[in-house]
């Protein structure tokens, strides 16, 4: 086990789910006030937030919008 999954779940909830879920991203999330929150931009922001998890190395984030539209970001 690389990381305790309960710790990872808590981290994802704090950093991504709670700030984004049922929110107007343009109005309620500071990072998107001056940027259109496209799938690509959302994926990059989620990557930035999750890469700070101290107990594992993040490889990539994928956001699937529809069966025909998704974006994956693997950082720099």
N, C-alpha and C. Protein backbone atom coordinates (compact mmCIF):
# COMPACT_ATOMS: atom_id res chain seq x y z
N UNK A 1 0.85 -1.17 0.00
CA UNK A 1 0.00 0.00 0.00
C UNK A 1 0.90 1.24 0.00
N UNK A 2 0.69 2.10 -0.96
CA UNK A 2 1.46 3.33 -1.05
C UNK A 2 0.94 4.34 -0.03
N UNK A 3 -0.37 4.40 0.10
CA UNK A 3 -0.98 5.39 0.98
C UNK A 3 -2.26 4.82 1.57
N UNK A 4 -2.61 5.31 2.73
CA UNK A 4 -3.86 4.92 3.35
C UNK A 4 -5.00 5.52 2.54
N UNK A 5 -5.88 4.69 2.03
CA UNK A 5 -6.96 5.17 1.17
C UNK A 5 -7.94 6.09 1.90
N UNK A 6 -8.10 5.90 3.19
CA UNK A 6 -8.96 6.80 3.97
C UNK A 6 -8.37 8.21 3.99
N UNK A 7 -7.04 8.30 4.11
CA UNK A 7 -6.37 9.60 4.06
C UNK A 7 -6.52 10.24 2.68
N UNK A 8 -6.37 9.44 1.64
CA UNK A 8 -6.51 9.95 0.28
C UNK A 8 -7.94 10.42 0.02
N UNK A 9 -8.93 9.64 0.44
CA UNK A 9 -10.34 10.04 0.27
C UNK A 9 -10.62 11.37 0.97
N UNK A 10 -10.13 11.52 2.18
CA UNK A 10 -10.33 12.76 2.94
C UNK A 10 -9.68 13.94 2.21
N UNK A 11 -8.48 13.73 1.70
CA UNK A 11 -7.75 14.78 0.98
C UNK A 11 -8.49 15.20 -0.28
N UNK A 12 -8.97 14.23 -1.07
CA UNK A 12 -9.71 14.53 -2.30
C UNK A 12 -11.00 15.28 -1.97
N UNK A 13 -11.69 14.86 -0.93
CA UNK A 13 -12.91 15.56 -0.53
C UNK A 13 -12.64 17.01 -0.15
N UNK A 14 -11.56 17.24 0.62
CA UNK A 14 -11.22 18.59 1.06
C UNK A 14 -10.75 19.48 -0.08
N UNK A 15 -9.95 18.93 -0.98
CA UNK A 15 -9.29 19.75 -2.01
C UNK A 15 -10.10 19.88 -3.30
N UNK A 16 -10.97 18.90 -3.60
CA UNK A 16 -11.67 18.92 -4.89
C UNK A 16 -13.18 18.87 -4.73
N UNK A 17 -13.69 17.86 -4.08
CA UNK A 17 -15.13 17.65 -4.03
C UNK A 17 -15.85 18.81 -3.33
N UNK A 18 -15.45 19.12 -2.10
CA UNK A 18 -16.13 20.18 -1.35
C UNK A 18 -16.04 21.54 -2.04
N UNK A 19 -14.87 21.96 -2.54
CA UNK A 19 -14.80 23.28 -3.19
C UNK A 19 -15.55 23.37 -4.52
N UNK A 20 -15.71 22.26 -5.25
CA UNK A 20 -16.27 22.31 -6.60
C UNK A 20 -17.72 21.83 -6.70
N UNK A 21 -18.12 20.90 -5.84
CA UNK A 21 -19.42 20.26 -5.97
C UNK A 21 -20.56 21.23 -5.70
N UNK A 22 -21.52 21.26 -6.62
CA UNK A 22 -22.71 22.12 -6.53
C UNK A 22 -22.34 23.59 -6.37
N UNK A 23 -21.31 24.01 -7.10
CA UNK A 23 -20.87 25.41 -7.08
C UNK A 23 -20.92 25.98 -8.48
N UNK A 24 -21.12 27.27 -8.55
CA UNK A 24 -20.92 27.99 -9.80
C UNK A 24 -19.43 28.26 -9.87
N UNK A 25 -18.72 27.50 -10.67
CA UNK A 25 -17.26 27.60 -10.68
C UNK A 25 -16.80 29.01 -11.00
N UNK A 26 -17.44 29.67 -11.94
CA UNK A 26 -17.05 31.03 -12.33
C UNK A 26 -17.22 32.03 -11.19
N UNK A 27 -18.22 31.82 -10.36
CA UNK A 27 -18.54 32.80 -9.32
C UNK A 27 -18.03 32.42 -7.94
N UNK A 28 -17.93 31.13 -7.65
CA UNK A 28 -17.64 30.70 -6.28
C UNK A 28 -16.26 30.10 -6.07
N UNK A 29 -15.52 29.85 -7.13
CA UNK A 29 -14.18 29.28 -7.00
C UNK A 29 -13.19 30.31 -7.54
N UNK A 30 -12.35 30.82 -6.67
CA UNK A 30 -11.45 31.93 -7.02
C UNK A 30 -10.61 31.66 -8.25
N UNK A 31 -10.14 30.44 -8.42
CA UNK A 31 -9.27 30.11 -9.56
C UNK A 31 -9.96 30.26 -10.91
N UNK A 32 -11.29 30.27 -10.92
CA UNK A 32 -12.03 30.33 -12.18
C UNK A 32 -12.74 31.67 -12.41
N UNK A 33 -12.52 32.62 -11.55
CA UNK A 33 -13.21 33.91 -11.71
C UNK A 33 -12.78 34.64 -12.97
N UNK A 34 -11.53 34.46 -13.38
CA UNK A 34 -11.02 35.14 -14.57
C UNK A 34 -10.68 34.18 -15.70
N UNK A 35 -11.10 32.93 -15.54
CA UNK A 35 -10.82 31.89 -16.52
C UNK A 35 -12.06 31.05 -16.74
N UNK A 36 -12.35 30.71 -17.97
CA UNK A 36 -13.48 29.84 -18.26
C UNK A 36 -13.11 28.42 -17.82
N UNK A 37 -13.92 27.80 -16.94
CA UNK A 37 -13.57 26.47 -16.44
C UNK A 37 -13.91 25.35 -17.43
N UNK A 38 -13.14 25.29 -18.50
CA UNK A 38 -13.31 24.21 -19.46
C UNK A 38 -12.84 22.90 -18.82
N UNK A 39 -13.11 21.80 -19.46
CA UNK A 39 -12.65 20.51 -18.96
C UNK A 39 -11.14 20.51 -18.80
N UNK A 40 -10.43 21.09 -19.75
CA UNK A 40 -8.98 21.13 -19.70
C UNK A 40 -8.49 21.94 -18.49
N UNK A 41 -9.05 23.11 -18.29
CA UNK A 41 -8.64 23.98 -17.17
C UNK A 41 -9.01 23.34 -15.84
N UNK A 42 -10.18 22.74 -15.77
CA UNK A 42 -10.61 22.05 -14.56
C UNK A 42 -9.66 20.90 -14.22
N UNK A 43 -9.28 20.14 -15.21
CA UNK A 43 -8.37 19.02 -15.01
C UNK A 43 -7.01 19.50 -14.48
N UNK A 44 -6.50 20.58 -15.04
CA UNK A 44 -5.21 21.13 -14.60
C UNK A 44 -5.31 21.63 -13.16
N UNK A 45 -6.40 22.29 -12.82
CA UNK A 45 -6.58 22.78 -11.44
C UNK A 45 -6.69 21.63 -10.46
N UNK A 46 -7.40 20.58 -10.82
CA UNK A 46 -7.50 19.40 -9.95
C UNK A 46 -6.12 18.78 -9.76
N UNK A 47 -5.35 18.69 -10.84
CA UNK A 47 -3.98 18.15 -10.74
C UNK A 47 -3.16 18.97 -9.75
N UNK A 48 -3.21 20.29 -9.87
CA UNK A 48 -2.45 21.17 -8.97
C UNK A 48 -2.83 20.92 -7.52
N UNK A 49 -4.12 20.76 -7.26
CA UNK A 49 -4.58 20.54 -5.90
C UNK A 49 -4.16 19.17 -5.37
N UNK A 50 -4.27 18.14 -6.21
CA UNK A 50 -3.98 16.78 -5.73
C UNK A 50 -2.49 16.47 -5.65
N UNK A 51 -1.67 17.18 -6.39
CA UNK A 51 -0.23 16.88 -6.35
C UNK A 51 0.39 17.23 -5.00
N UNK A 52 -0.34 17.96 -4.16
CA UNK A 52 0.19 18.31 -2.84
C UNK A 52 -0.06 17.20 -1.81
N UNK A 53 -0.73 16.13 -2.20
CA UNK A 53 -0.94 15.01 -1.27
C UNK A 53 0.43 14.45 -0.89
N UNK A 54 0.75 14.42 0.41
CA UNK A 54 2.12 14.11 0.82
C UNK A 54 2.53 12.64 0.77
N UNK A 55 1.60 11.71 0.62
CA UNK A 55 1.95 10.30 0.78
C UNK A 55 1.99 9.50 -0.51
N UNK A 56 1.92 10.17 -1.64
CA UNK A 56 1.97 9.45 -2.93
C UNK A 56 2.37 10.44 -4.02
N UNK A 57 2.84 9.89 -5.13
CA UNK A 57 3.18 10.72 -6.28
C UNK A 57 2.04 10.65 -7.29
N UNK A 58 1.51 11.81 -7.63
CA UNK A 58 0.42 11.88 -8.60
C UNK A 58 0.99 11.76 -10.01
N UNK A 59 0.45 10.85 -10.79
CA UNK A 59 0.90 10.65 -12.17
C UNK A 59 0.08 11.46 -13.16
N UNK A 60 -1.25 11.45 -13.02
CA UNK A 60 -2.10 12.16 -13.97
C UNK A 60 -3.51 12.27 -13.40
N UNK A 61 -4.26 13.20 -13.97
CA UNK A 61 -5.68 13.37 -13.65
C UNK A 61 -6.44 13.33 -14.95
N UNK A 62 -7.56 12.62 -14.96
CA UNK A 62 -8.43 12.56 -16.13
C UNK A 62 -9.82 12.99 -15.72
N UNK A 63 -10.38 13.94 -16.47
CA UNK A 63 -11.76 14.37 -16.27
C UNK A 63 -12.55 13.92 -17.49
N UNK A 64 -13.59 13.11 -17.24
CA UNK A 64 -14.44 12.61 -18.32
C UNK A 64 -15.75 13.37 -18.25
N UNK A 65 -16.01 14.15 -19.27
CA UNK A 65 -17.23 14.94 -19.32
C UNK A 65 -18.38 14.14 -19.95
N UNK A 66 -18.10 13.50 -21.07
CA UNK A 66 -19.05 12.61 -21.75
C UNK A 66 -18.26 11.44 -22.31
N UNK A 67 -18.94 10.49 -22.91
CA UNK A 67 -18.22 9.36 -23.51
C UNK A 67 -17.34 9.80 -24.68
N UNK A 68 -17.60 10.97 -25.23
CA UNK A 68 -16.82 11.49 -26.35
C UNK A 68 -15.89 12.65 -25.98
N UNK A 69 -15.95 13.11 -24.73
CA UNK A 69 -15.17 14.28 -24.35
C UNK A 69 -14.48 14.06 -23.00
N UNK A 70 -13.17 13.99 -23.01
CA UNK A 70 -12.41 13.87 -21.78
C UNK A 70 -11.07 14.56 -21.97
N UNK A 71 -10.40 14.79 -20.85
CA UNK A 71 -9.09 15.43 -20.90
C UNK A 71 -8.24 14.82 -19.81
N UNK A 72 -6.97 14.56 -20.12
CA UNK A 72 -6.03 14.03 -19.14
C UNK A 72 -4.83 14.95 -19.06
N UNK A 73 -4.38 15.20 -17.84
CA UNK A 73 -3.24 16.08 -17.62
C UNK A 73 -2.24 15.35 -16.73
N UNK A 74 -0.98 15.34 -17.16
CA UNK A 74 0.06 14.64 -16.43
C UNK A 74 1.11 15.60 -15.87
N UNK A 75 0.80 16.88 -15.80
CA UNK A 75 1.73 17.85 -15.23
C UNK A 75 2.90 18.15 -16.14
N UNK A 76 3.83 18.91 -15.58
CA UNK A 76 5.02 19.27 -16.36
C UNK A 76 6.22 18.51 -15.91
